Amino acid sequence: METITIRDEFIKLGQAMKLAGLAESGVDAKIQIQEGFVKVNGEVELQRGKKIYPGDVIEFDGQQVKVEN
């Protein structure tokens, strides 16, 4: 499992996907999220602006990324 580090209290899901290299752009992230291909903590997430906090795990395309601060 990979990890990404954030400086703030939270990061939005679309931004986290770009930071982790799961999406090349915000548009790519938006499409993947809206199509239901992204999970946060094991649950399908359809909101690109979902707040992601340290300890949360993002899953996409067989990859898992944990958010830390």
N, C-alpha and C. Protein backbone atom coordinates (compact mmCIF):
# COMPACT_ATOMS: atom_id res chain seq x y z
N MET A 1 0.85 -1.18 0.00
CA MET A 1 0.00 0.00 0.00
C MET A 1 0.89 1.24 0.00
N GLU A 2 0.61 2.14 -0.90
CA GLU A 2 1.35 3.39 -0.97
C GLU A 2 0.76 4.38 0.03
N THR A 3 1.51 5.44 0.31
CA THR A 3 1.00 6.50 1.18
C THR A 3 1.27 7.85 0.54
N ILE A 4 0.40 8.80 0.86
CA ILE A 4 0.65 10.20 0.50
C ILE A 4 0.57 11.01 1.78
N THR A 5 1.31 12.08 1.83
CA THR A 5 1.35 12.93 3.01
C THR A 5 0.72 14.27 2.68
N ILE A 6 -0.17 14.71 3.57
CA ILE A 6 -0.81 16.02 3.39
C ILE A 6 -0.39 16.93 4.53
N ARG A 7 -0.41 18.23 4.27
CA ARG A 7 -0.02 19.21 5.29
C ARG A 7 -1.22 19.75 6.05
N ASP A 8 -2.37 19.75 5.40
CA ASP A 8 -3.56 20.34 6.00
C ASP A 8 -4.39 19.28 6.73
N GLU A 9 -5.51 19.71 7.30
CA GLU A 9 -6.39 18.82 8.05
C GLU A 9 -7.00 17.76 7.13
N PHE A 10 -7.31 18.15 5.88
CA PHE A 10 -7.90 17.22 4.92
C PHE A 10 -7.50 17.60 3.51
N ILE A 11 -7.80 16.72 2.56
CA ILE A 11 -7.60 16.98 1.14
C ILE A 11 -8.83 16.46 0.42
N LYS A 12 -9.22 17.09 -0.66
CA LYS A 12 -10.37 16.61 -1.42
C LYS A 12 -9.98 15.38 -2.23
N LEU A 13 -10.94 14.51 -2.44
CA LEU A 13 -10.67 13.24 -3.10
C LEU A 13 -10.00 13.41 -4.46
N GLY A 14 -10.51 14.30 -5.30
CA GLY A 14 -9.91 14.50 -6.62
C GLY A 14 -8.46 14.94 -6.53
N GLN A 15 -8.16 15.82 -5.58
CA GLN A 15 -6.78 16.28 -5.39
C GLN A 15 -5.89 15.15 -4.89
N ALA A 16 -6.43 14.34 -3.98
CA ALA A 16 -5.66 13.22 -3.45
C ALA A 16 -5.33 12.22 -4.54
N MET A 17 -6.26 11.99 -5.44
CA MET A 17 -6.01 11.06 -6.55
C MET A 17 -4.89 11.57 -7.44
N LYS A 18 -4.89 12.87 -7.72
CA LYS A 18 -3.81 13.44 -8.53
C LYS A 18 -2.48 13.35 -7.80
N LEU A 19 -2.47 13.68 -6.52
CA LEU A 19 -1.24 13.63 -5.72
C LEU A 19 -0.66 12.22 -5.67
N ALA A 20 -1.54 11.23 -5.60
CA ALA A 20 -1.10 9.83 -5.50
C ALA A 20 -0.76 9.23 -6.87
N GLY A 21 -1.02 9.97 -7.94
CA GLY A 21 -0.74 9.45 -9.28
C GLY A 21 -1.80 8.50 -9.79
N LEU A 22 -2.98 8.51 -9.15
CA LEU A 22 -4.08 7.64 -9.60
C LEU A 22 -4.85 8.27 -10.75
N ALA A 23 -4.68 9.58 -10.94
CA ALA A 23 -5.33 10.29 -12.03
C ALA A 23 -4.35 11.33 -12.57
N GLU A 24 -4.35 11.51 -13.88
CA GLU A 24 -3.43 12.47 -14.49
C GLU A 24 -3.90 13.91 -14.33
N SER A 25 -5.21 14.11 -14.25
CA SER A 25 -5.75 15.46 -14.14
C SER A 25 -7.02 15.43 -13.31
N GLY A 26 -7.50 16.61 -12.98
CA GLY A 26 -8.76 16.71 -12.25
C GLY A 26 -9.92 16.15 -13.04
N VAL A 27 -9.87 16.31 -14.35
CA VAL A 27 -10.94 15.77 -15.21
C VAL A 27 -10.93 14.25 -15.16
N ASP A 28 -9.74 13.65 -15.23
CA ASP A 28 -9.64 12.18 -15.13
C ASP A 28 -10.20 11.70 -13.80
N ALA A 29 -9.82 12.37 -12.72
CA ALA A 29 -10.30 11.99 -11.39
C ALA A 29 -11.82 12.10 -11.33
N LYS A 30 -12.35 13.20 -11.85
CA LYS A 30 -13.80 13.42 -11.82
C LYS A 30 -14.55 12.29 -12.53
N ILE A 31 -14.07 11.91 -13.69
CA ILE A 31 -14.73 10.85 -14.46
C ILE A 31 -14.68 9.53 -13.71
N GLN A 32 -13.50 9.17 -13.19
CA GLN A 32 -13.36 7.89 -12.48
C GLN A 32 -14.25 7.84 -11.25
N ILE A 33 -14.33 8.97 -10.53
CA ILE A 33 -15.16 9.03 -9.32
C ILE A 33 -16.64 8.93 -9.69
N GLN A 34 -17.08 9.70 -10.68
CA GLN A 34 -18.49 9.70 -11.07
C GLN A 34 -18.93 8.36 -11.65
N GLU A 35 -18.01 7.61 -12.23
CA GLU A 35 -18.34 6.29 -12.79
C GLU A 35 -18.40 5.21 -11.70
N GLY A 36 -18.02 5.56 -10.48
CA GLY A 36 -18.11 4.62 -9.37
C GLY A 36 -16.92 3.68 -9.26
N PHE A 37 -15.78 4.07 -9.82
CA PHE A 37 -14.59 3.23 -9.80
C PHE A 37 -13.69 3.47 -8.59
N VAL A 38 -14.03 4.45 -7.76
CA VAL A 38 -13.17 4.84 -6.63
C VAL A 38 -13.85 4.51 -5.31
N LYS A 39 -13.09 3.92 -4.41
CA LYS A 39 -13.60 3.62 -3.07
C LYS A 39 -12.78 4.39 -2.03
N VAL A 40 -13.46 4.81 -0.98
CA VAL A 40 -12.80 5.43 0.16
C VAL A 40 -13.19 4.60 1.38
N ASN A 41 -12.19 4.04 2.03
CA ASN A 41 -12.41 3.17 3.19
C ASN A 41 -13.38 2.03 2.87
N GLY A 42 -13.25 1.49 1.66
CA GLY A 42 -14.03 0.33 1.26
C GLY A 42 -15.41 0.62 0.71
N GLU A 43 -15.82 1.89 0.69
CA GLU A 43 -17.14 2.28 0.19
C GLU A 43 -16.99 3.08 -1.11
N VAL A 44 -17.82 2.78 -2.09
CA VAL A 44 -17.80 3.54 -3.35
C VAL A 44 -18.12 5.00 -3.03
N GLU A 45 -17.31 5.90 -3.57
CA GLU A 45 -17.50 7.34 -3.34
C GLU A 45 -17.75 8.02 -4.67
N LEU A 46 -18.82 8.82 -4.75
CA LEU A 46 -19.19 9.48 -6.00
C LEU A 46 -18.98 10.99 -5.97
N GLN A 47 -18.44 11.52 -4.88
CA GLN A 47 -18.23 12.96 -4.75
C GLN A 47 -16.76 13.30 -4.88
N ARG A 48 -16.43 14.07 -5.90
CA ARG A 48 -15.03 14.47 -6.11
C ARG A 48 -14.52 15.35 -4.98
N GLY A 49 -15.42 16.11 -4.36
CA GLY A 49 -15.04 17.02 -3.29
C GLY A 49 -15.07 16.40 -1.90
N LYS A 50 -15.25 15.09 -1.81
CA LYS A 50 -15.26 14.40 -0.52
C LYS A 50 -13.98 14.70 0.24
N LYS A 51 -14.12 15.09 1.50
CA LYS A 51 -12.94 15.40 2.32
C LYS A 51 -12.28 14.10 2.76
N ILE A 52 -10.99 14.00 2.51
CA ILE A 52 -10.20 12.83 2.87
C ILE A 52 -9.25 13.24 3.99
N TYR A 53 -9.30 12.50 5.09
CA TYR A 53 -8.52 12.81 6.27
C TYR A 53 -7.40 11.80 6.46
N PRO A 54 -6.36 12.16 7.23
CA PRO A 54 -5.31 11.18 7.54
C PRO A 54 -5.92 9.90 8.11
N GLY A 55 -5.44 8.77 7.62
CA GLY A 55 -5.97 7.47 8.03
C GLY A 55 -6.92 6.88 7.01
N ASP A 56 -7.48 7.71 6.13
CA ASP A 56 -8.38 7.21 5.09
C ASP A 56 -7.59 6.47 4.02
N VAL A 57 -8.24 5.49 3.40
CA VAL A 57 -7.63 4.71 2.33
C VAL A 57 -8.45 4.86 1.06
N ILE A 58 -7.78 5.23 -0.02
CA ILE A 58 -8.41 5.40 -1.33
C ILE A 58 -8.05 4.18 -2.16
N GLU A 59 -9.04 3.59 -2.83
CA GLU A 59 -8.80 2.44 -3.70
C GLU A 59 -9.26 2.77 -5.11
N PHE A 60 -8.39 2.45 -6.07
CA PHE A 60 -8.74 2.66 -7.49
C PHE A 60 -7.89 1.73 -8.34
N ASP A 61 -8.52 1.03 -9.24
CA ASP A 61 -7.83 0.20 -10.22
C ASP A 61 -6.83 -0.77 -9.58
N GLY A 62 -7.26 -1.38 -8.47
CA GLY A 62 -6.41 -2.36 -7.80
C GLY A 62 -5.31 -1.78 -6.93
N GLN A 63 -5.25 -0.46 -6.83
CA GLN A 63 -4.23 0.19 -6.01
C GLN A 63 -4.88 0.79 -4.77
N GLN A 64 -4.15 0.76 -3.67
CA GLN A 64 -4.61 1.37 -2.44
C GLN A 64 -3.60 2.43 -2.01
N VAL A 65 -4.13 3.57 -1.58
CA VAL A 65 -3.28 4.66 -1.11
C VAL A 65 -3.82 5.15 0.23
N LYS A 66 -2.94 5.19 1.23
CA LYS A 66 -3.31 5.66 2.56
C LYS A 66 -2.86 7.10 2.70
N VAL A 67 -3.71 7.92 3.30
CA VAL A 67 -3.41 9.34 3.52
C VAL A 67 -2.83 9.51 4.91
N GLU A 68 -1.70 10.21 5.00
CA GLU A 68 -1.05 10.50 6.28
C GLU A 68 -0.74 11.98 6.37
N ASN A 69 -0.44 12.41 7.60
CA ASN A 69 0.02 13.81 7.74
C ASN A 69 1.29 13.85 8.55
